[in-house]
Amino acid sequence: MDLFLESNLESVDAAEAHCVEAAKQLGLDEDACMDLGLAVREAMVNAVAHGNNYDAAKKVRLALESRSDSLRITITDQGAGFDLNRVPDPTQGDNLMRGSGRGLLLIQTFVDEFTVKRTPEGGAEVVLVKYAISD
């Protein structure tokens, strides 16, 4: 699935719903689906708010690739991109008291693989991978 979504909060809800449904189809349990939904929500809010600055002229691309053992979610904005290594650690010093800045940490907690890169056009491409757990 490959969707181009508006830079608004309704798109955040839509992306979360699509990804949670794909996770259910993969066979993830309810807790894992909720965790993945939260990770997608955080990544989408970052793309819409921080990447595209709610600019109606900019889109967020949501690509879902479901395999037999995993779900790969790619979220790409049309913003300026960012360097993950330059994002302040929300668990250190004065950052503990900030009202924001924990989204990337949450995403990393709830998925099995997490990568960020700058696109050739300058935006951010965030990839989340969640593996199905086999018994």
N, C-alpha and C. Protein backbone atom coordinates (compact mmCIF):
# COMPACT_ATOMS: atom_id res chain seq x y z
N MET A 1 0.84 -1.17 0.00
CA MET A 1 0.00 0.00 0.00
C MET A 1 0.89 1.23 0.00
N ASP A 2 0.52 2.19 -0.79
CA ASP A 2 1.27 3.43 -0.90
C ASP A 2 0.26 4.57 -0.95
N LEU A 3 0.25 5.41 0.08
CA LEU A 3 -0.70 6.51 0.18
C LEU A 3 0.02 7.84 0.30
N PHE A 4 -0.60 8.88 -0.24
CA PHE A 4 -0.12 10.24 -0.04
C PHE A 4 -1.18 10.97 0.76
N LEU A 5 -0.81 11.36 1.97
CA LEU A 5 -1.75 11.93 2.93
C LEU A 5 -1.53 13.42 3.11
N GLU A 6 -2.60 14.10 3.49
CA GLU A 6 -2.54 15.53 3.78
C GLU A 6 -1.70 15.77 5.03
N SER A 7 -1.21 16.98 5.17
CA SER A 7 -0.42 17.34 6.36
C SER A 7 -1.34 17.87 7.45
N ASN A 8 -2.16 16.95 7.99
CA ASN A 8 -3.08 17.33 9.06
C ASN A 8 -3.26 16.16 10.03
N LEU A 9 -3.91 16.43 11.14
CA LEU A 9 -4.05 15.40 12.18
C LEU A 9 -5.01 14.28 11.77
N GLU A 10 -5.93 14.53 10.86
CA GLU A 10 -6.79 13.46 10.36
C GLU A 10 -5.96 12.40 9.65
N SER A 11 -4.91 12.82 8.98
CA SER A 11 -4.01 11.87 8.32
C SER A 11 -3.25 11.02 9.32
N VAL A 12 -2.96 11.59 10.48
CA VAL A 12 -2.30 10.81 11.55
C VAL A 12 -3.21 9.67 11.95
N ASP A 13 -4.49 9.97 12.17
CA ASP A 13 -5.46 8.94 12.54
C ASP A 13 -5.58 7.87 11.46
N ALA A 14 -5.66 8.31 10.21
CA ALA A 14 -5.81 7.37 9.09
C ALA A 14 -4.60 6.45 8.97
N ALA A 15 -3.41 7.01 9.10
CA ALA A 15 -2.19 6.20 9.01
C ALA A 15 -2.15 5.17 10.12
N GLU A 16 -2.47 5.60 11.33
CA GLU A 16 -2.49 4.66 12.46
C GLU A 16 -3.47 3.53 12.19
N ALA A 17 -4.66 3.86 11.72
CA ALA A 17 -5.68 2.84 11.46
C ALA A 17 -5.21 1.83 10.40
N HIS A 18 -4.63 2.32 9.31
CA HIS A 18 -4.13 1.42 8.26
C HIS A 18 -3.06 0.49 8.80
N CYS A 19 -2.15 1.03 9.59
CA CYS A 19 -1.03 0.23 10.10
C CYS A 19 -1.48 -0.79 11.15
N VAL A 20 -2.41 -0.39 11.99
CA VAL A 20 -2.92 -1.33 13.00
C VAL A 20 -3.67 -2.47 12.31
N GLU A 21 -4.43 -2.16 11.28
CA GLU A 21 -5.14 -3.21 10.54
C GLU A 21 -4.14 -4.17 9.88
N ALA A 22 -3.08 -3.64 9.30
CA ALA A 22 -2.05 -4.48 8.68
C ALA A 22 -1.37 -5.35 9.74
N ALA A 23 -1.15 -4.79 10.93
CA ALA A 23 -0.54 -5.55 12.02
C ALA A 23 -1.44 -6.69 12.47
N LYS A 24 -2.74 -6.44 12.53
CA LYS A 24 -3.70 -7.49 12.89
C LYS A 24 -3.66 -8.61 11.86
N GLN A 25 -3.62 -8.24 10.58
CA GLN A 25 -3.57 -9.23 9.52
C GLN A 25 -2.29 -10.05 9.58
N LEU A 26 -1.22 -9.44 10.07
CA LEU A 26 0.05 -10.15 10.24
C LEU A 26 -0.03 -11.14 11.39
N GLY A 27 -1.00 -10.92 12.29
CA GLY A 27 -1.17 -11.82 13.42
C GLY A 27 -0.61 -11.30 14.72
N LEU A 28 -0.29 -10.01 14.78
CA LEU A 28 0.20 -9.44 16.04
C LEU A 28 -0.93 -9.39 17.06
N ASP A 29 -0.56 -9.58 18.33
CA ASP A 29 -1.59 -9.54 19.38
C ASP A 29 -2.02 -8.09 19.63
N GLU A 30 -3.05 -7.93 20.45
CA GLU A 30 -3.64 -6.61 20.68
C GLU A 30 -2.63 -5.61 21.24
N ASP A 31 -1.80 -6.05 22.20
CA ASP A 31 -0.81 -5.14 22.77
C ASP A 31 0.21 -4.69 21.72
N ALA A 32 0.68 -5.62 20.91
CA ALA A 32 1.66 -5.28 19.87
C ALA A 32 1.05 -4.34 18.84
N CYS A 33 -0.23 -4.54 18.52
CA CYS A 33 -0.91 -3.65 17.58
C CYS A 33 -1.03 -2.24 18.16
N MET A 34 -1.36 -2.15 19.44
CA MET A 34 -1.46 -0.85 20.10
C MET A 34 -0.11 -0.15 20.14
N ASP A 35 0.94 -0.91 20.45
CA ASP A 35 2.30 -0.34 20.48
C ASP A 35 2.69 0.18 19.11
N LEU A 36 2.44 -0.62 18.08
CA LEU A 36 2.77 -0.20 16.73
C LEU A 36 1.96 1.03 16.34
N GLY A 37 0.69 1.04 16.70
CA GLY A 37 -0.15 2.20 16.42
C GLY A 37 0.40 3.47 17.04
N LEU A 38 0.89 3.37 18.26
CA LEU A 38 1.47 4.53 18.93
C LEU A 38 2.75 4.99 18.22
N ALA A 39 3.56 4.04 17.80
CA ALA A 39 4.80 4.38 17.08
C ALA A 39 4.48 5.09 15.77
N VAL A 40 3.50 4.58 15.04
CA VAL A 40 3.10 5.19 13.77
C VAL A 40 2.53 6.58 14.03
N ARG A 41 1.71 6.71 15.05
CA ARG A 41 1.13 8.01 15.41
C ARG A 41 2.23 9.04 15.68
N GLU A 42 3.23 8.65 16.46
CA GLU A 42 4.33 9.57 16.77
C GLU A 42 5.10 9.96 15.52
N ALA A 43 5.38 8.99 14.66
CA ALA A 43 6.12 9.27 13.43
C ALA A 43 5.31 10.17 12.50
N MET A 44 4.02 9.93 12.43
CA MET A 44 3.16 10.76 11.58
C MET A 44 3.03 12.19 12.12
N VAL A 45 2.88 12.32 13.43
CA VAL A 45 2.81 13.66 14.02
C VAL A 45 4.10 14.42 13.71
N ASN A 46 5.24 13.75 13.83
CA ASN A 46 6.51 14.39 13.50
C ASN A 46 6.53 14.84 12.04
N ALA A 47 6.05 13.97 11.13
CA ALA A 47 6.06 14.30 9.71
C ALA A 47 5.13 15.48 9.40
N VAL A 48 3.94 15.43 9.96
CA VAL A 48 2.94 16.47 9.70
C VAL A 48 3.33 17.79 10.36
N ALA A 49 3.67 17.74 11.64
CA ALA A 49 3.91 18.97 12.42
C ALA A 49 5.32 19.52 12.24
N HIS A 50 6.32 18.68 12.42
CA HIS A 50 7.71 19.16 12.39
C HIS A 50 8.29 19.16 10.98
N GLY A 51 7.97 18.13 10.20
CA GLY A 51 8.49 18.06 8.84
C GLY A 51 7.78 19.02 7.90
N ASN A 52 6.48 18.84 7.76
CA ASN A 52 5.71 19.63 6.80
C ASN A 52 5.09 20.89 7.40
N ASN A 53 5.21 21.08 8.70
CA ASN A 53 4.67 22.27 9.37
C ASN A 53 3.20 22.52 9.02
N TYR A 54 2.41 21.46 8.91
CA TYR A 54 0.98 21.53 8.59
C TYR A 54 0.72 22.25 7.26
N ASP A 55 1.70 22.28 6.38
CA ASP A 55 1.58 22.96 5.09
C ASP A 55 0.66 22.15 4.18
N ALA A 56 -0.47 22.74 3.79
CA ALA A 56 -1.45 22.04 2.96
C ALA A 56 -0.89 21.67 1.59
N ALA A 57 0.15 22.33 1.15
CA ALA A 57 0.76 22.03 -0.15
C ALA A 57 1.70 20.82 -0.09
N LYS A 58 2.02 20.38 1.12
CA LYS A 58 2.95 19.25 1.29
C LYS A 58 2.20 18.00 1.70
N LYS A 59 2.69 16.86 1.25
CA LYS A 59 2.08 15.57 1.54
C LYS A 59 3.02 14.72 2.40
N VAL A 60 2.43 13.74 3.06
CA VAL A 60 3.18 12.72 3.77
C VAL A 60 2.91 11.40 3.05
N ARG A 61 3.98 10.72 2.68
CA ARG A 61 3.83 9.42 2.02
C ARG A 61 3.87 8.33 3.08
N LEU A 62 2.89 7.44 3.02
CA LEU A 62 2.82 6.28 3.90
C LEU A 62 2.90 5.04 3.02
N ALA A 63 3.96 4.26 3.19
CA ALA A 63 4.11 3.03 2.42
C ALA A 63 4.13 1.86 3.40
N LEU A 64 3.28 0.88 3.14
CA LEU A 64 3.20 -0.33 3.97
C LEU A 64 3.62 -1.52 3.13
N GLU A 65 4.54 -2.29 3.66
CA GLU A 65 4.97 -3.52 3.00
C GLU A 65 4.82 -4.65 3.99
N SER A 66 3.87 -5.52 3.71
CA SER A 66 3.62 -6.65 4.60
C SER A 66 4.25 -7.90 4.02
N ARG A 67 5.04 -8.57 4.82
CA ARG A 67 5.65 -9.84 4.44
C ARG A 67 5.08 -10.90 5.37
N SER A 68 5.46 -12.14 5.16
CA SER A 68 4.92 -13.21 6.00
C SER A 68 5.36 -13.09 7.46
N ASP A 69 6.51 -12.45 7.69
CA ASP A 69 7.05 -12.38 9.05
C ASP A 69 7.23 -10.97 9.59
N SER A 70 6.85 -9.95 8.80
CA SER A 70 7.09 -8.59 9.26
C SER A 70 6.22 -7.57 8.53
N LEU A 71 6.18 -6.40 9.13
CA LEU A 71 5.51 -5.25 8.54
C LEU A 71 6.52 -4.11 8.49
N ARG A 72 6.69 -3.55 7.30
CA ARG A 72 7.63 -2.43 7.10
C ARG A 72 6.81 -1.19 6.77
N ILE A 73 6.97 -0.16 7.56
CA ILE A 73 6.21 1.08 7.40
C ILE A 73 7.20 2.21 7.11
N THR A 74 7.00 2.89 5.99
CA THR A 74 7.85 4.01 5.63
C THR A 74 7.00 5.28 5.60
N ILE A 75 7.43 6.28 6.35
CA ILE A 75 6.74 7.56 6.43
C ILE A 75 7.72 8.63 5.96
N THR A 76 7.34 9.34 4.90
CA THR A 76 8.23 10.33 4.29
C THR A 76 7.53 11.68 4.24
N ASP A 77 8.20 12.70 4.74
CA ASP A 77 7.63 14.05 4.66
C ASP A 77 8.38 14.87 3.61
N GLN A 78 7.90 16.09 3.39
CA GLN A 78 8.51 16.99 2.42
C GLN A 78 9.15 18.19 3.11
N GLY A 79 9.60 17.97 4.33
CA GLY A 79 10.22 19.06 5.10
C GLY A 79 11.71 19.15 4.84
N ALA A 80 12.42 19.65 5.85
CA ALA A 80 13.86 19.88 5.73
C ALA A 80 14.68 18.67 6.19
N GLY A 81 14.03 17.65 6.75
CA GLY A 81 14.75 16.49 7.27
C GLY A 81 15.42 16.83 8.59
N PHE A 82 16.00 15.81 9.22
CA PHE A 82 16.69 16.03 10.48
C PHE A 82 17.73 14.95 10.69
N ASP A 83 18.68 15.25 11.55
CA ASP A 83 19.74 14.32 11.89
C ASP A 83 19.40 13.72 13.24
N LEU A 84 19.12 12.43 13.27
CA LEU A 84 18.73 11.75 14.51
C LEU A 84 19.78 11.92 15.60
N ASN A 85 21.04 11.99 15.22
CA ASN A 85 22.11 12.14 16.20
C ASN A 85 22.14 13.53 16.86
N ARG A 86 21.43 14.48 16.28
CA ARG A 86 21.41 15.83 16.83
C ARG A 86 20.14 16.13 17.63
N VAL A 87 19.26 15.15 17.74
CA VAL A 87 18.04 15.32 18.52
C VAL A 87 18.40 15.15 19.99
N PRO A 88 18.01 16.11 20.85
CA PRO A 88 18.35 16.01 22.28
C PRO A 88 17.78 14.74 22.92
N ASP A 89 18.55 14.13 23.78
CA ASP A 89 18.13 12.93 24.50
C ASP A 89 17.10 13.33 25.56
N PRO A 90 15.84 12.85 25.45
CA PRO A 90 14.80 13.27 26.39
C PRO A 90 14.98 12.70 27.79
N THR A 91 15.94 11.82 27.98
CA THR A 91 16.16 11.22 29.30
C THR A 91 17.29 11.90 30.06
N GLN A 92 17.85 12.97 29.49
CA GLN A 92 19.01 13.62 30.11
C GLN A 92 18.71 15.06 30.56
N GLY A 93 19.21 15.42 31.72
CA GLY A 93 19.24 16.80 32.22
C GLY A 93 17.94 17.56 32.09
N ASP A 94 18.05 18.78 31.56
CA ASP A 94 16.90 19.67 31.42
C ASP A 94 15.83 19.12 30.48
N ASN A 95 16.19 18.19 29.62
CA ASN A 95 15.23 17.62 28.68
C ASN A 95 14.15 16.80 29.40
N LEU A 96 14.45 16.35 30.62
CA LEU A 96 13.47 15.58 31.39
C LEU A 96 12.21 16.38 31.67
N MET A 97 12.34 17.68 31.78
CA MET A 97 11.21 18.53 32.14
C MET A 97 10.48 19.12 30.93
N ARG A 98 10.99 18.89 29.74
CA ARG A 98 10.34 19.42 28.54
C ARG A 98 9.02 18.71 28.30
N GLY A 99 8.07 19.44 27.76
CA GLY A 99 6.75 18.87 27.47
C GLY A 99 6.69 18.08 26.19
N SER A 100 7.76 18.10 25.42
CA SER A 100 7.79 17.35 24.17
C SER A 100 9.18 16.75 23.99
N GLY A 101 9.36 16.00 22.91
CA GLY A 101 10.68 15.47 22.61
C GLY A 101 10.86 13.99 22.91
N ARG A 102 9.77 13.32 23.29
CA ARG A 102 9.88 11.89 23.63
C ARG A 102 9.39 10.96 22.52
N GLY A 103 8.87 11.53 21.46
CA GLY A 103 8.28 10.73 20.39
C GLY A 103 9.24 9.74 19.76
N LEU A 104 10.44 10.19 19.44
CA LEU A 104 11.41 9.29 18.81
C LEU A 104 11.80 8.15 19.74
N LEU A 105 11.91 8.46 21.03
CA LEU A 105 12.22 7.42 22.01
C LEU A 105 11.09 6.39 22.08
N LEU A 106 9.85 6.86 22.07
CA LEU A 106 8.70 5.95 22.08
C LEU A 106 8.69 5.07 20.84
N ILE A 107 8.92 5.68 19.69
CA ILE A 107 8.94 4.90 18.45
C ILE A 107 9.96 3.77 18.56
N GLN A 108 11.17 4.11 18.98
CA GLN A 108 12.24 3.10 19.08
C GLN A 108 11.90 2.00 20.07
N THR A 109 11.12 2.33 21.09
CA THR A 109 10.72 1.35 22.10
C THR A 109 9.73 0.33 21.54
N PHE A 110 8.87 0.78 20.63
CA PHE A 110 7.74 -0.06 20.20
C PHE A 110 7.92 -0.78 18.88
N VAL A 111 9.05 -0.57 18.19
CA VAL A 111 9.29 -1.30 16.94
C VAL A 111 10.60 -2.07 17.04
N ASP A 112 10.78 -3.01 16.13
CA ASP A 112 11.99 -3.84 16.14
C ASP A 112 13.15 -3.20 15.39
N GLU A 113 12.84 -2.40 14.39
CA GLU A 113 13.88 -1.67 13.65
C GLU A 113 13.37 -0.26 13.40
N PHE A 114 14.28 0.71 13.49
CA PHE A 114 13.93 2.11 13.30
C PHE A 114 15.10 2.80 12.62
N THR A 115 14.84 3.42 11.47
CA THR A 115 15.88 4.18 10.79
C THR A 115 15.31 5.50 10.30
N VAL A 116 16.17 6.48 10.20
CA VAL A 116 15.82 7.80 9.68
C VAL A 116 16.89 8.20 8.69
N LYS A 117 16.46 8.71 7.56
CA LYS A 117 17.43 9.27 6.61
C LYS A 117 16.80 10.46 5.92
N ARG A 118 17.64 11.30 5.38
CA ARG A 118 17.19 12.45 4.62
C ARG A 118 16.99 11.99 3.18
N THR A 119 15.87 12.38 2.59
CA THR A 119 15.62 12.02 1.20
C THR A 119 16.44 12.92 0.28
N PRO A 120 16.62 12.52 -0.97
CA PRO A 120 17.35 13.39 -1.91
C PRO A 120 16.69 14.77 -2.06
N GLU A 121 15.38 14.82 -1.85
CA GLU A 121 14.65 16.10 -1.94
C GLU A 121 14.79 16.92 -0.66
N GLY A 122 15.31 16.32 0.40
CA GLY A 122 15.53 17.03 1.65
C GLY A 122 14.64 16.66 2.80
N GLY A 123 13.56 15.93 2.57
CA GLY A 123 12.65 15.54 3.64
C GLY A 123 13.21 14.41 4.48
N ALA A 124 12.43 13.99 5.46
CA ALA A 124 12.82 12.88 6.32
C ALA A 124 12.06 11.63 5.90
N GLU A 125 12.77 10.51 5.87
CA GLU A 125 12.17 9.21 5.62
C GLU A 125 12.41 8.36 6.86
N VAL A 126 11.33 7.98 7.52
CA VAL A 126 11.39 7.19 8.74
C VAL A 126 10.87 5.79 8.41
N VAL A 127 11.64 4.77 8.76
CA VAL A 127 11.25 3.39 8.49
C VAL A 127 11.09 2.66 9.82
N LEU A 128 9.92 2.06 10.00
CA LEU A 128 9.61 1.26 11.18
C LEU A 128 9.39 -0.18 10.71
N VAL A 129 9.99 -1.13 11.40
CA VAL A 129 9.78 -2.54 11.08
C VAL A 129 9.36 -3.24 12.35
N LYS A 130 8.28 -4.03 12.22
CA LYS A 130 7.79 -4.84 13.32
C LYS A 130 7.73 -6.28 12.84
N TYR A 131 8.33 -7.17 13.61
CA TYR A 131 8.34 -8.59 13.26
C TYR A 131 7.23 -9.32 13.96
N ALA A 132 6.66 -10.29 13.26
CA ALA A 132 5.69 -11.19 13.88
C ALA A 132 6.46 -12.14 14.76
N ILE A 133 5.89 -12.46 15.87
CA ILE A 133 6.55 -13.38 16.82
C ILE A 133 5.96 -14.76 16.59
N SER A 134 6.83 -15.70 16.26
CA SER A 134 6.35 -17.06 16.04
C SER A 134 6.60 -17.88 17.30
N ASP A 135 5.66 -18.76 17.55
CA ASP A 135 5.76 -19.61 18.76
C ASP A 135 6.66 -20.80 18.54
